[in-house]
Amino acid sequence: MGNFSSKKNTVKGAGCLFTDGKYVIAGLQPFKKPVSISGLGGKTTVGESIIETALRETLEELFEMHIQPSSIIDELKMIKPRAVYNVCGYTNHIYTFSDLLRFLETIYKNGYKSRLYAEFPLTIEDLVSKRLLIPECEISHLVLLPVVRGLAIDRLFVQDINAVIDLKSFIFIDTK
């Protein structure tokens, strides 16, 4: 476990990282310059503990839960991170994909709905693939990234993605 303090406001920000050891969940932030893929989390607010920051920011970015009942945060606090580390004033709470499923179940059983999903996701596949694209969201897409050292996106592949965007009459063919 890394450098961690439970004191309030001792860090700039905090977040949650969900992994199965092979993949991590990340989010595309379309309004950052340059457009970036990042983890889930953000800045701490006055009077908030580090774990409260991590959970609040994660719920905001996953579901646009800008107002969160303290009961949901309290329930999610019961799911203990597998590790916690602090780098440059940012504290990350590491959870497994099984923990993420428990997060989803907890939020669902509390009756929360998100405009980012036609039906609230209860699987990781639905969380990633059934997210609706709403232009003004801080996180537009969720992605699974491989857990590898030195990850970078090849510039030619970025050009390929841009070509797809530029195609006016792109037709997706289902080969099943």
N, C-alpha and C. Protein backbone atom coordinates (compact mmCIF):
# COMPACT_ATOMS: atom_id res chain seq x y z
N MET A 1 0.85 -1.16 0.00
CA MET A 1 0.00 0.00 0.00
C MET A 1 0.90 1.23 0.00
N GLY A 2 0.51 2.26 -0.75
CA GLY A 2 1.33 3.45 -0.91
C GLY A 2 1.17 4.45 0.22
N ASN A 3 1.71 5.63 0.00
CA ASN A 3 1.64 6.72 0.95
C ASN A 3 0.20 7.20 1.05
N PHE A 4 -0.45 7.01 2.19
CA PHE A 4 -1.87 7.32 2.32
C PHE A 4 -2.15 7.95 3.66
N SER A 5 -2.97 8.99 3.65
CA SER A 5 -3.41 9.63 4.88
C SER A 5 -4.92 9.73 4.87
N SER A 6 -5.57 9.45 5.97
CA SER A 6 -7.03 9.54 6.04
C SER A 6 -7.49 10.93 6.45
N LYS A 7 -6.56 11.87 6.66
CA LYS A 7 -6.93 13.23 7.05
C LYS A 7 -7.70 13.90 5.93
N LYS A 8 -8.60 14.80 6.33
CA LYS A 8 -9.37 15.54 5.34
C LYS A 8 -8.49 16.56 4.63
N ASN A 9 -8.73 16.70 3.31
CA ASN A 9 -8.11 17.73 2.48
C ASN A 9 -6.58 17.74 2.54
N THR A 10 -5.94 16.58 2.67
CA THR A 10 -4.48 16.53 2.63
C THR A 10 -3.99 16.26 1.22
N VAL A 11 -4.89 16.02 0.30
CA VAL A 11 -4.53 15.76 -1.10
C VAL A 11 -5.32 16.70 -2.00
N LYS A 12 -4.85 16.83 -3.22
CA LYS A 12 -5.52 17.67 -4.21
C LYS A 12 -6.75 16.98 -4.79
N GLY A 13 -6.68 15.67 -4.90
CA GLY A 13 -7.78 14.94 -5.50
C GLY A 13 -7.68 13.46 -5.21
N ALA A 14 -8.73 12.75 -5.65
CA ALA A 14 -8.77 11.31 -5.42
C ALA A 14 -9.69 10.66 -6.44
N GLY A 15 -9.50 9.38 -6.62
CA GLY A 15 -10.35 8.65 -7.56
C GLY A 15 -10.36 7.17 -7.27
N CYS A 16 -11.11 6.46 -8.10
CA CYS A 16 -11.21 5.01 -8.01
C CYS A 16 -10.71 4.40 -9.31
N LEU A 17 -9.91 3.38 -9.20
CA LEU A 17 -9.42 2.65 -10.36
C LEU A 17 -9.93 1.22 -10.24
N PHE A 18 -10.64 0.77 -11.28
CA PHE A 18 -11.22 -0.57 -11.28
C PHE A 18 -10.43 -1.44 -12.25
N THR A 19 -9.99 -2.61 -11.78
CA THR A 19 -9.17 -3.48 -12.61
C THR A 19 -9.41 -4.95 -12.27
N ASP A 20 -9.12 -5.78 -13.26
CA ASP A 20 -9.08 -7.22 -13.00
C ASP A 20 -7.63 -7.71 -13.09
N GLY A 21 -6.69 -6.76 -13.16
CA GLY A 21 -5.28 -7.09 -13.29
C GLY A 21 -4.84 -7.16 -14.74
N LYS A 22 -5.77 -7.39 -15.63
CA LYS A 22 -5.49 -7.46 -17.07
C LYS A 22 -5.95 -6.17 -17.77
N TYR A 23 -7.08 -5.59 -17.30
CA TYR A 23 -7.65 -4.37 -17.87
C TYR A 23 -7.99 -3.39 -16.75
N VAL A 24 -8.08 -2.11 -17.12
CA VAL A 24 -8.60 -1.06 -16.24
C VAL A 24 -9.70 -0.32 -16.99
N ILE A 25 -10.64 0.25 -16.22
CA ILE A 25 -11.67 1.09 -16.82
C ILE A 25 -11.17 2.53 -16.80
N ALA A 26 -11.32 3.19 -17.93
CA ALA A 26 -10.92 4.59 -18.06
C ALA A 26 -12.02 5.34 -18.79
N GLY A 27 -11.92 6.67 -18.78
CA GLY A 27 -12.93 7.49 -19.44
C GLY A 27 -12.30 8.47 -20.42
N LEU A 28 -13.01 8.72 -21.51
CA LEU A 28 -12.57 9.70 -22.49
C LEU A 28 -13.10 11.06 -22.09
N GLN A 29 -12.20 12.02 -21.94
CA GLN A 29 -12.58 13.39 -21.58
C GLN A 29 -12.47 14.26 -22.84
N PRO A 30 -13.62 14.48 -23.53
CA PRO A 30 -13.59 15.17 -24.81
C PRO A 30 -13.29 16.66 -24.73
N PHE A 31 -13.41 17.27 -23.55
CA PHE A 31 -13.21 18.72 -23.43
C PHE A 31 -11.80 19.09 -22.99
N LYS A 32 -10.99 18.10 -22.62
CA LYS A 32 -9.59 18.38 -22.28
C LYS A 32 -8.83 18.66 -23.56
N LYS A 33 -7.81 19.48 -23.46
CA LYS A 33 -6.95 19.77 -24.60
C LYS A 33 -5.57 19.23 -24.30
N PRO A 34 -5.09 18.22 -25.00
CA PRO A 34 -5.80 17.48 -26.03
C PRO A 34 -6.84 16.54 -25.40
N VAL A 35 -7.77 16.06 -26.23
CA VAL A 35 -8.74 15.08 -25.78
C VAL A 35 -7.95 13.94 -25.12
N SER A 36 -8.41 13.51 -23.93
CA SER A 36 -7.60 12.57 -23.15
C SER A 36 -8.42 11.40 -22.62
N ILE A 37 -7.73 10.31 -22.44
CA ILE A 37 -8.29 9.17 -21.71
C ILE A 37 -7.65 9.21 -20.33
N SER A 38 -8.48 9.15 -19.30
CA SER A 38 -7.96 9.26 -17.94
C SER A 38 -8.72 8.32 -17.02
N GLY A 39 -8.26 8.30 -15.79
CA GLY A 39 -8.96 7.53 -14.76
C GLY A 39 -10.18 8.29 -14.27
N LEU A 40 -10.87 7.72 -13.28
CA LEU A 40 -12.07 8.30 -12.71
C LEU A 40 -11.73 8.97 -11.39
N GLY A 41 -12.01 10.25 -11.28
CA GLY A 41 -11.73 10.96 -10.05
C GLY A 41 -11.60 12.44 -10.31
N GLY A 42 -11.26 13.18 -9.26
CA GLY A 42 -11.12 14.62 -9.41
C GLY A 42 -10.73 15.30 -8.12
N LYS A 43 -10.99 16.59 -8.10
CA LYS A 43 -10.56 17.45 -6.99
C LYS A 43 -11.41 17.26 -5.75
N THR A 44 -10.74 17.39 -4.63
CA THR A 44 -11.38 17.30 -3.33
C THR A 44 -12.10 18.62 -3.01
N THR A 45 -13.18 18.55 -2.26
CA THR A 45 -13.89 19.76 -1.83
C THR A 45 -13.76 19.90 -0.32
N VAL A 46 -14.01 21.09 0.17
CA VAL A 46 -13.86 21.40 1.59
C VAL A 46 -14.73 20.47 2.44
N GLY A 47 -14.14 19.93 3.49
CA GLY A 47 -14.87 19.08 4.43
C GLY A 47 -15.06 17.65 3.99
N GLU A 48 -14.46 17.28 2.90
CA GLU A 48 -14.65 15.95 2.33
C GLU A 48 -13.43 15.08 2.63
N SER A 49 -13.65 13.84 3.03
CA SER A 49 -12.51 12.93 3.23
C SER A 49 -12.02 12.46 1.87
N ILE A 50 -10.86 11.85 1.87
CA ILE A 50 -10.25 11.36 0.62
C ILE A 50 -11.15 10.32 -0.03
N ILE A 51 -11.67 9.38 0.74
CA ILE A 51 -12.52 8.34 0.16
C ILE A 51 -13.83 8.95 -0.35
N GLU A 52 -14.36 9.93 0.35
CA GLU A 52 -15.58 10.60 -0.12
C GLU A 52 -15.34 11.31 -1.45
N THR A 53 -14.17 11.95 -1.59
CA THR A 53 -13.82 12.57 -2.87
C THR A 53 -13.77 11.51 -3.97
N ALA A 54 -13.06 10.42 -3.70
CA ALA A 54 -12.91 9.36 -4.70
C ALA A 54 -14.27 8.82 -5.15
N LEU A 55 -15.14 8.54 -4.19
CA LEU A 55 -16.45 7.98 -4.52
C LEU A 55 -17.34 9.00 -5.21
N ARG A 56 -17.37 10.23 -4.71
CA ARG A 56 -18.21 11.28 -5.33
C ARG A 56 -17.79 11.52 -6.78
N GLU A 57 -16.51 11.70 -6.98
CA GLU A 57 -16.01 11.97 -8.33
C GLU A 57 -16.27 10.79 -9.27
N THR A 58 -16.09 9.58 -8.78
CA THR A 58 -16.33 8.40 -9.60
C THR A 58 -17.80 8.30 -9.99
N LEU A 59 -18.71 8.54 -9.04
CA LEU A 59 -20.14 8.50 -9.36
C LEU A 59 -20.53 9.61 -10.33
N GLU A 60 -19.94 10.78 -10.17
CA GLU A 60 -20.22 11.88 -11.10
C GLU A 60 -19.79 11.51 -12.52
N GLU A 61 -18.61 10.92 -12.65
CA GLU A 61 -18.08 10.62 -13.97
C GLU A 61 -18.71 9.38 -14.60
N LEU A 62 -19.05 8.39 -13.79
CA LEU A 62 -19.69 7.20 -14.34
C LEU A 62 -21.16 7.43 -14.69
N PHE A 63 -21.88 8.18 -13.84
CA PHE A 63 -23.34 8.26 -13.97
C PHE A 63 -23.92 9.67 -13.98
N GLU A 64 -23.08 10.69 -13.88
CA GLU A 64 -23.55 12.07 -13.73
C GLU A 64 -24.36 12.24 -12.45
N MET A 65 -23.96 11.55 -11.40
CA MET A 65 -24.60 11.68 -10.09
C MET A 65 -24.01 12.90 -9.39
N HIS A 66 -24.53 14.09 -9.68
CA HIS A 66 -23.98 15.31 -9.09
C HIS A 66 -24.51 15.55 -7.68
N ILE A 67 -25.65 14.98 -7.36
CA ILE A 67 -26.17 15.02 -6.00
C ILE A 67 -26.29 13.57 -5.55
N GLN A 68 -25.51 13.24 -4.53
CA GLN A 68 -25.46 11.86 -4.08
C GLN A 68 -25.94 11.76 -2.65
N PRO A 69 -26.94 10.95 -2.41
CA PRO A 69 -27.37 10.75 -1.03
C PRO A 69 -26.21 10.17 -0.21
N SER A 70 -26.05 10.68 1.00
CA SER A 70 -24.96 10.18 1.85
C SER A 70 -25.11 8.69 2.11
N SER A 71 -26.33 8.17 2.02
CA SER A 71 -26.53 6.74 2.25
C SER A 71 -25.81 5.90 1.19
N ILE A 72 -25.79 6.35 -0.06
CA ILE A 72 -25.08 5.60 -1.11
C ILE A 72 -23.58 5.66 -0.86
N ILE A 73 -23.07 6.85 -0.55
CA ILE A 73 -21.64 6.99 -0.26
C ILE A 73 -21.27 6.12 0.94
N ASP A 74 -22.10 6.14 1.99
CA ASP A 74 -21.81 5.32 3.17
C ASP A 74 -21.80 3.83 2.82
N GLU A 75 -22.74 3.39 1.98
CA GLU A 75 -22.74 1.97 1.57
C GLU A 75 -21.52 1.63 0.75
N LEU A 76 -21.14 2.53 -0.17
CA LEU A 76 -19.97 2.27 -1.00
C LEU A 76 -18.68 2.27 -0.19
N LYS A 77 -18.65 3.05 0.90
CA LYS A 77 -17.47 3.05 1.78
C LYS A 77 -17.25 1.67 2.40
N MET A 78 -18.32 0.88 2.51
CA MET A 78 -18.21 -0.46 3.09
C MET A 78 -17.44 -1.41 2.17
N ILE A 79 -17.35 -1.06 0.88
CA ILE A 79 -16.56 -1.85 -0.07
C ILE A 79 -15.13 -1.31 0.01
N LYS A 80 -14.28 -2.04 0.64
CA LYS A 80 -12.93 -1.56 0.91
C LYS A 80 -12.03 -1.72 -0.32
N PRO A 81 -11.25 -0.68 -0.63
CA PRO A 81 -10.32 -0.81 -1.75
C PRO A 81 -9.26 -1.87 -1.45
N ARG A 82 -8.74 -2.47 -2.52
CA ARG A 82 -7.71 -3.51 -2.38
C ARG A 82 -6.35 -2.90 -2.12
N ALA A 83 -6.19 -1.64 -2.55
CA ALA A 83 -4.95 -0.90 -2.31
C ALA A 83 -5.27 0.58 -2.46
N VAL A 84 -4.43 1.40 -1.84
CA VAL A 84 -4.56 2.85 -1.93
C VAL A 84 -3.16 3.41 -2.10
N TYR A 85 -2.99 4.33 -3.04
CA TYR A 85 -1.69 4.95 -3.17
C TYR A 85 -1.84 6.43 -3.51
N ASN A 86 -0.80 7.19 -3.18
CA ASN A 86 -0.80 8.63 -3.41
C ASN A 86 0.42 8.98 -4.24
N VAL A 87 0.17 9.67 -5.36
CA VAL A 87 1.24 10.15 -6.21
C VAL A 87 0.97 11.62 -6.50
N CYS A 88 1.92 12.46 -6.16
CA CYS A 88 1.84 13.91 -6.46
C CYS A 88 0.55 14.54 -5.96
N GLY A 89 0.10 14.16 -4.76
CA GLY A 89 -1.08 14.77 -4.17
C GLY A 89 -2.41 14.21 -4.65
N TYR A 90 -2.37 13.12 -5.40
CA TYR A 90 -3.61 12.48 -5.88
C TYR A 90 -3.65 11.08 -5.30
N THR A 91 -4.75 10.74 -4.64
CA THR A 91 -4.89 9.43 -4.01
C THR A 91 -5.82 8.56 -4.83
N ASN A 92 -5.34 7.40 -5.20
CA ASN A 92 -6.13 6.47 -6.00
C ASN A 92 -6.49 5.26 -5.15
N HIS A 93 -7.77 4.88 -5.22
CA HIS A 93 -8.28 3.71 -4.51
C HIS A 93 -8.49 2.61 -5.55
N ILE A 94 -7.81 1.49 -5.37
CA ILE A 94 -7.84 0.40 -6.34
C ILE A 94 -8.89 -0.62 -5.92
N TYR A 95 -9.80 -0.90 -6.85
CA TYR A 95 -10.87 -1.87 -6.64
C TYR A 95 -10.81 -2.91 -7.75
N THR A 96 -11.39 -4.08 -7.51
CA THR A 96 -11.48 -5.11 -8.53
C THR A 96 -12.75 -4.90 -9.35
N PHE A 97 -12.85 -5.63 -10.45
CA PHE A 97 -14.08 -5.60 -11.24
C PHE A 97 -15.25 -6.17 -10.42
N SER A 98 -14.98 -7.14 -9.56
CA SER A 98 -16.03 -7.67 -8.67
C SER A 98 -16.54 -6.57 -7.75
N ASP A 99 -15.63 -5.73 -7.25
CA ASP A 99 -16.03 -4.60 -6.43
C ASP A 99 -16.89 -3.63 -7.25
N LEU A 100 -16.52 -3.42 -8.50
CA LEU A 100 -17.30 -2.53 -9.37
C LEU A 100 -18.73 -3.07 -9.53
N LEU A 101 -18.87 -4.36 -9.67
CA LEU A 101 -20.22 -4.95 -9.75
C LEU A 101 -21.00 -4.68 -8.47
N ARG A 102 -20.33 -4.73 -7.33
CA ARG A 102 -20.99 -4.40 -6.06
C ARG A 102 -21.40 -2.93 -6.03
N PHE A 103 -20.55 -2.04 -6.59
CA PHE A 103 -20.91 -0.62 -6.70
C PHE A 103 -22.20 -0.50 -7.52
N LEU A 104 -22.23 -1.16 -8.68
CA LEU A 104 -23.40 -1.06 -9.56
C LEU A 104 -24.66 -1.57 -8.85
N GLU A 105 -24.56 -2.69 -8.17
CA GLU A 105 -25.71 -3.25 -7.44
C GLU A 105 -26.19 -2.30 -6.35
N THR A 106 -25.25 -1.71 -5.63
CA THR A 106 -25.59 -0.78 -4.55
C THR A 106 -26.35 0.43 -5.09
N ILE A 107 -25.85 1.01 -6.15
CA ILE A 107 -26.49 2.19 -6.75
C ILE A 107 -27.86 1.82 -7.29
N TYR A 108 -27.95 0.67 -7.98
CA TYR A 108 -29.21 0.22 -8.57
C TYR A 108 -30.27 -0.03 -7.49
N LYS A 109 -29.89 -0.72 -6.42
CA LYS A 109 -30.88 -1.06 -5.38
C LYS A 109 -31.37 0.19 -4.64
N ASN A 110 -30.60 1.28 -4.70
CA ASN A 110 -31.03 2.55 -4.12
C ASN A 110 -31.90 3.35 -5.08
N GLY A 111 -32.22 2.76 -6.23
CA GLY A 111 -33.17 3.36 -7.16
C GLY A 111 -32.62 4.46 -8.05
N TYR A 112 -31.29 4.57 -8.12
CA TYR A 112 -30.73 5.62 -8.95
C TYR A 112 -30.79 5.25 -10.42
N LYS A 113 -31.13 6.23 -11.26
CA LYS A 113 -31.12 6.08 -12.70
C LYS A 113 -30.18 7.13 -13.26
N SER A 114 -29.62 6.86 -14.43
CA SER A 114 -28.70 7.80 -15.06
C SER A 114 -29.15 8.06 -16.48
N ARG A 115 -29.10 9.32 -16.90
CA ARG A 115 -29.47 9.64 -18.28
C ARG A 115 -28.44 9.11 -19.27
N LEU A 116 -27.32 8.59 -18.77
CA LEU A 116 -26.30 8.03 -19.63
C LEU A 116 -26.59 6.59 -20.04
N TYR A 117 -27.65 6.02 -19.49
CA TYR A 117 -28.02 4.63 -19.78
C TYR A 117 -29.53 4.51 -19.91
N ALA A 118 -30.00 3.84 -20.96
CA ALA A 118 -31.43 3.58 -21.11
C ALA A 118 -31.91 2.69 -19.95
N GLU A 119 -31.10 1.70 -19.60
CA GLU A 119 -31.33 0.85 -18.43
C GLU A 119 -30.06 0.87 -17.60
N PHE A 120 -30.21 0.97 -16.29
CA PHE A 120 -29.04 1.07 -15.43
C PHE A 120 -28.16 -0.18 -15.62
N PRO A 121 -26.85 -0.01 -15.86
CA PRO A 121 -25.97 -1.15 -16.12
C PRO A 121 -25.68 -1.95 -14.86
N LEU A 122 -25.76 -3.26 -15.00
CA LEU A 122 -25.43 -4.14 -13.88
C LEU A 122 -24.26 -5.06 -14.21
N THR A 123 -23.71 -4.90 -15.42
CA THR A 123 -22.52 -5.65 -15.82
C THR A 123 -21.48 -4.65 -16.34
N ILE A 124 -20.24 -5.09 -16.37
CA ILE A 124 -19.18 -4.23 -16.89
C ILE A 124 -19.37 -4.03 -18.39
N GLU A 125 -19.79 -5.08 -19.08
CA GLU A 125 -20.05 -4.96 -20.51
C GLU A 125 -21.10 -3.88 -20.79
N ASP A 126 -22.20 -3.89 -20.02
CA ASP A 126 -23.23 -2.87 -20.22
C ASP A 126 -22.73 -1.49 -19.81
N LEU A 127 -21.94 -1.41 -18.75
CA LEU A 127 -21.39 -0.12 -18.31
C LEU A 127 -20.59 0.53 -19.43
N VAL A 128 -19.78 -0.26 -20.12
CA VAL A 128 -18.92 0.27 -21.18
C VAL A 128 -19.66 0.42 -22.50
N SER A 129 -20.38 -0.62 -22.91
CA SER A 129 -20.93 -0.63 -24.28
C SER A 129 -22.30 0.00 -24.44
N LYS A 130 -23.05 0.14 -23.37
CA LYS A 130 -24.41 0.68 -23.50
C LYS A 130 -24.53 2.13 -23.02
N ARG A 131 -23.40 2.77 -22.80
CA ARG A 131 -23.39 4.17 -22.39
C ARG A 131 -23.86 5.02 -23.56
N LEU A 132 -24.80 5.92 -23.30
CA LEU A 132 -25.30 6.82 -24.33
C LEU A 132 -24.32 7.99 -24.48
N LEU A 133 -24.15 8.45 -25.69
CA LEU A 133 -23.23 9.56 -25.95
C LEU A 133 -23.99 10.88 -25.83
N ILE A 134 -23.72 11.58 -24.74
CA ILE A 134 -24.35 12.87 -24.48
C ILE A 134 -23.22 13.90 -24.55
N PRO A 135 -23.31 14.81 -25.53
CA PRO A 135 -22.17 15.69 -25.86
C PRO A 135 -21.56 16.48 -24.71
N GLU A 136 -22.35 16.95 -23.77
CA GLU A 136 -21.80 17.83 -22.72
C GLU A 136 -21.21 17.10 -21.52
N CYS A 137 -21.19 15.78 -21.52
CA CYS A 137 -20.67 15.02 -20.37
C CYS A 137 -19.16 15.15 -20.25
N GLU A 138 -18.69 15.25 -19.00
CA GLU A 138 -17.26 15.32 -18.74
C GLU A 138 -16.54 14.08 -19.28
N ILE A 139 -17.14 12.92 -19.08
CA ILE A 139 -16.63 11.65 -19.61
C ILE A 139 -17.65 11.18 -20.65
N SER A 140 -17.24 11.12 -21.91
CA SER A 140 -18.19 10.71 -22.95
C SER A 140 -18.23 9.20 -23.13
N HIS A 141 -17.08 8.57 -23.17
CA HIS A 141 -16.99 7.13 -23.40
C HIS A 141 -16.24 6.48 -22.25
N LEU A 142 -16.60 5.25 -21.95
CA LEU A 142 -15.79 4.43 -21.05
C LEU A 142 -15.06 3.41 -21.90
N VAL A 143 -13.84 3.10 -21.52
CA VAL A 143 -13.04 2.15 -22.28
C VAL A 143 -12.33 1.19 -21.34
N LEU A 144 -12.03 0.03 -21.86
CA LEU A 144 -11.17 -0.93 -21.16
C LEU A 144 -9.79 -0.81 -21.78
N LEU A 145 -8.80 -0.54 -20.94
CA LEU A 145 -7.42 -0.44 -21.41
C LEU A 145 -6.62 -1.59 -20.82
N PRO A 146 -5.66 -2.09 -21.58
CA PRO A 146 -4.81 -3.15 -21.02
C PRO A 146 -3.89 -2.60 -19.94
N VAL A 147 -3.63 -3.41 -18.95
CA VAL A 147 -2.69 -3.04 -17.90
C VAL A 147 -1.30 -3.41 -18.41
N VAL A 148 -0.63 -2.41 -18.99
CA VAL A 148 0.74 -2.59 -19.50
C VAL A 148 1.53 -1.34 -19.18
N ARG A 149 2.81 -1.49 -18.98
CA ARG A 149 3.69 -0.37 -18.71
C ARG A 149 3.96 0.41 -20.00
N GLY A 150 3.94 1.74 -19.92
CA GLY A 150 4.30 2.58 -21.07
C GLY A 150 3.26 2.64 -22.17
N LEU A 151 1.99 2.49 -21.82
CA LEU A 151 0.93 2.49 -22.82
C LEU A 151 0.91 3.81 -23.61
N ALA A 152 0.82 3.71 -24.91
CA ALA A 152 0.67 4.87 -25.79
C ALA A 152 -0.21 4.46 -26.96
N ILE A 153 -0.82 5.44 -27.59
CA ILE A 153 -1.65 5.16 -28.77
C ILE A 153 -0.85 5.56 -30.00
N ASP A 154 -0.66 4.64 -30.90
CA ASP A 154 0.09 4.87 -32.11
C ASP A 154 -0.54 6.00 -32.92
N ARG A 155 0.26 6.95 -33.40
CA ARG A 155 -0.25 8.12 -34.12
C ARG A 155 -0.97 7.72 -35.41
N LEU A 156 -0.54 6.64 -36.05
CA LEU A 156 -1.22 6.19 -37.27
C LEU A 156 -2.61 5.64 -36.95
N PHE A 157 -2.73 4.99 -35.79
CA PHE A 157 -4.05 4.51 -35.38
C PHE A 157 -4.97 5.69 -35.07
N VAL A 158 -4.43 6.74 -34.46
CA VAL A 158 -5.22 7.95 -34.22
C VAL A 158 -5.69 8.52 -35.55
N GLN A 159 -4.85 8.49 -36.57
CA GLN A 159 -5.27 8.94 -37.91
C GLN A 159 -6.40 8.07 -38.44
N ASP A 160 -6.32 6.77 -38.20
CA ASP A 160 -7.40 5.86 -38.63
C ASP A 160 -8.72 6.22 -37.95
N ILE A 161 -8.66 6.51 -36.67
CA ILE A 161 -9.86 6.90 -35.93
C ILE A 161 -10.42 8.21 -36.51
N ASN A 162 -9.54 9.16 -36.80
CA ASN A 162 -9.99 10.42 -37.39
C ASN A 162 -10.62 10.20 -38.77
N ALA A 163 -10.11 9.24 -39.52
CA ALA A 163 -10.70 8.93 -40.83
C ALA A 163 -12.12 8.41 -40.68
N VAL A 164 -12.34 7.59 -39.67
CA VAL A 164 -13.70 7.09 -39.40
C VAL A 164 -14.63 8.26 -39.09
N ILE A 165 -14.16 9.21 -38.30
CA ILE A 165 -14.97 10.38 -37.94
C ILE A 165 -15.29 11.19 -39.19
N ASP A 166 -14.34 11.30 -40.11
CA ASP A 166 -14.51 12.12 -41.30
C ASP A 166 -15.40 11.48 -42.37
N LEU A 167 -15.60 10.19 -42.30
CA LEU A 167 -16.45 9.52 -43.29
C LEU A 167 -17.90 9.95 -43.09
N LYS A 168 -18.49 10.55 -44.10
CA LYS A 168 -19.86 11.07 -43.98
C LYS A 168 -20.91 9.95 -44.05
N SER A 169 -20.65 8.94 -44.87
CA SER A 169 -21.65 7.89 -45.05
C SER A 169 -21.09 6.54 -44.64
N PHE A 170 -20.38 6.54 -43.52
CA PHE A 170 -19.79 5.30 -43.02
C PHE A 170 -20.89 4.31 -42.69
N ILE A 171 -20.78 3.11 -43.18
CA ILE A 171 -21.79 2.08 -42.94
C ILE A 171 -21.15 0.98 -42.10
N PHE A 172 -21.75 0.70 -40.96
CA PHE A 172 -21.29 -0.40 -40.14
C PHE A 172 -21.98 -1.67 -40.63
N ILE A 173 -21.20 -2.67 -40.95
CA ILE A 173 -21.75 -3.92 -41.46
C ILE A 173 -21.62 -4.96 -40.36
N ASP A 174 -22.76 -5.55 -40.00
CA ASP A 174 -22.76 -6.62 -39.01
C ASP A 174 -22.42 -7.91 -39.75
N THR A 175 -21.30 -8.52 -39.39
CA THR A 175 -20.85 -9.72 -40.11
C THR A 175 -21.31 -11.01 -39.43
N LYS A 176 -22.18 -10.91 -38.45
CA LYS A 176 -22.67 -12.11 -37.75
C LYS A 176 -23.70 -12.84 -38.57
